[in-house]
N, C-alpha and C. Protein backbone atom coordinates (compact mmCIF):
# COMPACT_ATOMS: atom_id res chain seq x y z
N MET A 1 60.59 -57.14 -79.28
CA MET A 1 61.44 -56.02 -79.14
C MET A 1 62.70 -56.84 -79.35
N LYS A 2 63.64 -55.61 -79.98
CA LYS A 2 65.35 -56.26 -80.33
C LYS A 2 65.85 -55.86 -79.27
N LYS A 3 66.85 -56.73 -78.96
CA LYS A 3 68.34 -56.66 -77.96
C LYS A 3 68.51 -55.21 -77.91
N ASN A 4 68.60 -54.56 -78.93
CA ASN A 4 69.40 -53.15 -78.83
C ASN A 4 68.36 -52.56 -78.60
N GLN A 5 67.23 -52.41 -78.52
CA GLN A 5 66.08 -51.88 -78.06
C GLN A 5 66.08 -51.53 -76.94
N ILE A 6 66.19 -52.56 -76.10
CA ILE A 6 65.82 -52.67 -74.86
C ILE A 6 67.19 -52.26 -74.30
N ALA A 7 68.59 -52.30 -74.77
CA ALA A 7 69.75 -52.25 -74.06
C ALA A 7 69.71 -50.31 -74.10
N ALA A 8 69.07 -49.89 -75.33
CA ALA A 8 69.15 -48.59 -75.68
C ALA A 8 68.13 -47.79 -74.53
N GLY A 9 67.23 -48.53 -74.43
CA GLY A 9 66.00 -47.81 -73.33
C GLY A 9 66.60 -47.97 -71.75
N LEU A 10 67.10 -48.89 -71.58
CA LEU A 10 67.85 -48.96 -70.10
C LEU A 10 68.85 -47.93 -70.10
N ASN A 11 69.66 -48.02 -71.25
CA ASN A 11 70.74 -46.72 -70.95
C ASN A 11 70.30 -45.38 -71.03
N GLY A 12 69.06 -45.27 -71.88
CA GLY A 12 68.41 -43.97 -71.82
C GLY A 12 67.85 -43.57 -70.26
N LEU A 13 67.60 -44.75 -69.81
CA LEU A 13 67.17 -44.34 -68.44
C LEU A 13 68.03 -44.04 -67.08
N LEU A 14 69.17 -45.30 -67.42
CA LEU A 14 70.31 -45.00 -66.44
C LEU A 14 70.75 -43.43 -66.61
N ASN A 15 70.80 -43.58 -67.99
CA ASN A 15 71.86 -41.90 -67.74
C ASN A 15 70.92 -40.59 -67.75
N ALA A 16 69.81 -40.77 -67.72
CA ALA A 16 68.83 -39.60 -67.26
C ALA A 16 69.00 -39.49 -65.86
N ALA A 17 68.86 -40.61 -65.07
CA ALA A 17 69.01 -40.63 -63.58
C ALA A 17 70.04 -40.26 -63.00
N THR A 18 71.36 -40.18 -63.44
CA THR A 18 72.63 -39.86 -63.12
C THR A 18 72.69 -38.43 -63.49
N GLU A 19 72.07 -38.16 -64.46
CA GLU A 19 72.13 -36.70 -64.89
C GLU A 19 71.13 -35.67 -64.13
N THR A 20 70.76 -36.11 -63.44
CA THR A 20 69.43 -35.67 -62.63
C THR A 20 69.71 -35.12 -61.16
N THR A 21 70.58 -36.26 -61.03
CA THR A 21 71.34 -36.51 -59.67
C THR A 21 71.99 -35.39 -59.66
N LYS A 22 72.92 -34.73 -60.23
CA LYS A 22 74.03 -33.63 -60.24
C LYS A 22 73.57 -32.21 -59.93
N PRO A 23 74.18 -31.97 -58.81
CA PRO A 23 73.60 -30.51 -58.13
C PRO A 23 73.95 -29.51 -59.29
N THR A 24 73.01 -28.72 -59.32
CA THR A 24 73.82 -27.44 -60.19
C THR A 24 74.61 -26.43 -59.64
N THR A 25 74.06 -25.98 -57.83
CA THR A 25 74.50 -25.40 -57.37
C THR A 25 74.66 -25.42 -55.73
N ALA A 26 75.95 -24.74 -55.05
CA ALA A 26 75.87 -25.62 -53.88
C ALA A 26 74.99 -24.92 -52.87
N ALA A 27 74.42 -25.62 -52.01
CA ALA A 27 73.37 -25.19 -51.39
C ALA A 27 74.00 -24.30 -50.22
N ALA A 28 73.03 -23.35 -49.77
CA ALA A 28 73.52 -22.36 -48.72
C ALA A 28 73.55 -23.25 -47.46
N PRO A 29 74.78 -23.01 -46.39
CA PRO A 29 74.29 -23.93 -44.98
C PRO A 29 72.80 -22.71 -44.44
N VAL A 30 72.64 -23.69 -43.34
CA VAL A 30 71.22 -23.46 -42.96
C VAL A 30 71.94 -23.27 -41.56
N THR A 31 71.69 -22.27 -41.04
CA THR A 31 72.25 -21.38 -39.53
C THR A 31 71.31 -21.22 -38.70
N GLY A 32 71.32 -21.45 -37.35
CA GLY A 32 70.20 -20.60 -36.81
C GLY A 32 70.89 -18.90 -36.42
N ALA A 33 70.12 -18.54 -35.67
CA ALA A 33 70.69 -17.06 -35.33
C ALA A 33 71.86 -17.24 -34.26
N GLY A 34 72.42 -16.35 -34.67
CA GLY A 34 73.81 -16.09 -34.03
C GLY A 34 74.89 -17.10 -34.13
N THR A 35 74.67 -17.99 -35.19
CA THR A 35 75.58 -19.32 -35.26
C THR A 35 75.89 -19.11 -36.89
N ARG A 36 77.21 -19.99 -37.03
CA ARG A 36 77.96 -19.80 -38.07
C ARG A 36 78.43 -21.10 -38.18
N PRO A 37 78.57 -21.92 -39.53
CA PRO A 37 78.54 -22.82 -39.75
C PRO A 37 80.09 -23.30 -39.63
N VAL A 38 81.11 -24.27 -39.03
CA VAL A 38 82.34 -24.48 -38.83
C VAL A 38 82.48 -26.34 -39.09
N CYS A 39 83.64 -26.32 -39.40
CA CYS A 39 84.21 -27.79 -39.66
C CYS A 39 85.59 -28.73 -38.76
N TYR A 40 85.51 -29.52 -38.07
CA TYR A 40 86.27 -29.83 -37.54
C TYR A 40 86.16 -31.56 -37.18
N ASN A 41 87.60 -31.85 -37.64
CA ASN A 41 87.94 -33.30 -37.42
C ASN A 41 87.94 -34.06 -36.07
N LEU A 42 87.02 -34.94 -36.00
CA LEU A 42 86.74 -35.85 -34.70
C LEU A 42 86.99 -36.98 -34.66
N ASN A 43 87.17 -37.64 -33.51
CA ASN A 43 87.57 -38.85 -33.62
C ASN A 43 85.84 -40.06 -33.91
N PRO A 44 86.02 -40.50 -34.74
CA PRO A 44 84.67 -41.34 -35.27
C PRO A 44 83.86 -42.04 -34.13
N ALA A 45 84.63 -42.50 -33.00
CA ALA A 45 83.93 -42.74 -31.73
C ALA A 45 83.13 -41.85 -30.98
N ILE A 46 83.72 -40.71 -31.08
CA ILE A 46 82.74 -39.36 -30.33
C ILE A 46 81.99 -38.94 -31.21
N ILE A 47 81.82 -39.23 -32.36
CA ILE A 47 80.66 -38.97 -33.46
C ILE A 47 79.80 -39.76 -33.16
N GLU A 48 79.69 -40.96 -32.80
CA GLU A 48 78.68 -41.75 -32.80
C GLU A 48 78.01 -41.68 -31.32
N LYS A 49 79.22 -41.54 -30.31
CA LYS A 49 78.70 -41.23 -29.01
C LYS A 49 77.75 -39.64 -28.93
N ILE A 50 78.15 -38.90 -29.66
CA ILE A 50 77.08 -37.87 -29.79
C ILE A 50 76.22 -37.89 -30.26
N ARG A 51 76.27 -38.75 -31.46
CA ARG A 51 74.59 -39.10 -32.27
C ARG A 51 73.85 -39.95 -31.54
N TYR A 52 74.37 -40.59 -30.45
CA TYR A 52 73.48 -41.48 -29.83
C TYR A 52 72.93 -40.65 -28.51
N ILE A 53 73.25 -39.56 -28.11
CA ILE A 53 73.17 -38.83 -27.14
C ILE A 53 72.02 -38.15 -27.65
N ALA A 54 72.18 -37.75 -28.98
CA ALA A 54 71.25 -36.61 -29.46
C ALA A 54 70.13 -37.70 -29.86
N PHE A 55 70.13 -38.79 -30.08
CA PHE A 55 68.87 -39.64 -30.61
C PHE A 55 68.21 -40.05 -29.27
N MET A 56 68.87 -40.19 -27.85
CA MET A 56 68.49 -40.64 -26.90
C MET A 56 67.56 -39.32 -26.08
N GLU A 57 68.13 -38.44 -26.36
CA GLU A 57 67.09 -37.22 -25.54
C GLU A 57 66.48 -36.07 -26.92
N HIS A 58 66.43 -36.95 -28.01
CA HIS A 58 65.67 -36.16 -29.08
C HIS A 58 66.05 -35.06 -29.53
N ARG A 59 67.29 -34.84 -29.58
CA ARG A 59 67.76 -33.43 -29.81
C ARG A 59 68.50 -33.59 -31.07
N LYS A 60 68.97 -32.71 -31.63
CA LYS A 60 70.01 -32.48 -32.61
C LYS A 60 71.13 -32.72 -32.41
N ASN A 61 72.15 -33.51 -33.44
CA ASN A 61 73.44 -33.24 -33.00
C ASN A 61 74.09 -32.11 -33.24
N ASN A 62 73.65 -30.99 -33.48
CA ASN A 62 74.16 -29.93 -33.61
C ASN A 62 74.09 -29.30 -32.08
N ALA A 63 73.13 -29.26 -31.51
CA ALA A 63 72.52 -29.00 -30.15
C ALA A 63 73.26 -29.48 -29.06
N VAL A 64 73.68 -31.06 -29.23
CA VAL A 64 74.51 -32.08 -28.14
C VAL A 64 75.95 -31.03 -28.36
N VAL A 65 76.47 -31.05 -29.42
CA VAL A 65 77.76 -30.52 -29.60
C VAL A 65 77.84 -28.90 -29.41
N SER A 66 76.95 -27.99 -29.54
CA SER A 66 76.68 -26.88 -29.31
C SER A 66 76.82 -26.58 -27.49
N GLU A 67 76.10 -27.35 -27.13
CA GLU A 67 75.99 -27.47 -25.49
C GLU A 67 77.56 -27.97 -24.59
N ALA A 68 77.67 -28.84 -25.15
CA ALA A 68 79.48 -29.72 -24.72
C ALA A 68 80.72 -28.41 -24.85
N LEU A 69 80.69 -27.78 -25.91
CA LEU A 69 81.30 -26.76 -26.30
C LEU A 69 81.19 -25.24 -25.43
N GLU A 70 80.04 -25.54 -25.01
CA GLU A 70 79.67 -24.15 -24.64
C GLU A 70 80.14 -24.38 -22.86
N ARG A 71 79.79 -25.50 -22.47
CA ARG A 71 79.94 -26.34 -20.92
C ARG A 71 81.60 -26.00 -21.02
N PHE A 72 82.19 -26.62 -21.88
CA PHE A 72 83.93 -26.71 -22.12
C PHE A 72 84.59 -25.07 -21.69
N VAL A 73 83.74 -24.45 -22.58
CA VAL A 73 84.39 -22.63 -22.27
C VAL A 73 83.95 -22.20 -21.16
N THR A 74 83.02 -22.45 -20.25
CA THR A 74 82.34 -21.65 -19.46
C THR A 74 83.36 -22.15 -18.09
N GLU A 75 83.54 -23.77 -18.41
CA GLU A 75 84.52 -24.24 -17.06
C GLU A 75 85.87 -23.84 -17.02
N TRP A 76 86.30 -23.67 -18.45
CA TRP A 76 87.46 -23.18 -18.46
C TRP A 76 87.63 -22.01 -18.09
N GLU A 77 86.77 -20.85 -18.46
CA GLU A 77 86.75 -19.72 -18.29
C GLU A 77 86.85 -19.24 -16.44
N GLN A 78 85.92 -20.00 -15.85
CA GLN A 78 86.22 -19.85 -14.54
C GLN A 78 87.38 -20.50 -13.84
N THR A 79 88.04 -21.31 -14.52
CA THR A 79 89.43 -21.63 -14.08
C THR A 79 90.58 -20.56 -14.34
N ASN A 80 90.50 -20.05 -15.53
CA ASN A 80 91.47 -19.28 -16.22
C ASN A 80 91.06 -18.05 -16.37
N GLY A 81 89.78 -17.57 -16.42
CA GLY A 81 89.52 -16.11 -16.34
C GLY A 81 88.59 -16.14 -17.24
N LYS A 82 87.52 -14.76 -17.81
CA LYS A 82 86.99 -14.83 -18.79
C LYS A 82 87.81 -14.56 -20.14
N ILE A 83 87.23 -14.65 -21.27
CA ILE A 83 87.85 -14.47 -22.62
C ILE A 83 86.78 -13.63 -23.24
N SER A 84 87.58 -12.41 -23.94
CA SER A 84 86.84 -11.54 -24.28
C SER A 84 87.24 -11.61 -26.25
N VAL A 85 85.96 -11.43 -26.74
CA VAL A 85 86.09 -11.38 -28.02
C VAL A 85 85.17 -10.59 -28.77
N SER A 86 85.76 -10.31 -30.20
CA SER A 86 84.69 -8.95 -30.83
C SER A 86 84.26 -9.94 -31.81
N LEU A 87 82.93 -9.72 -32.24
CA LEU A 87 82.34 -10.17 -32.98
C LEU A 87 81.85 -9.00 -34.24
């Protein structure tokens, strides 16, 4: 085999691999019942601690964050009064 044939074969393989990894459409977010996706900037140390807690309790990261936020809101409402929201 000639060197240019080998190079052409490798280039074909490499180019084909990069083309197949490009997404054609954005995937819709998967959410649970009564939830919606949100995005927040968090301290990286907090993120790692959340991941650790989730791993140790065999739970999803999202479940740990949701529970923590629900506890925070409940505590805040006990101190400051109920918050009414319309969904």
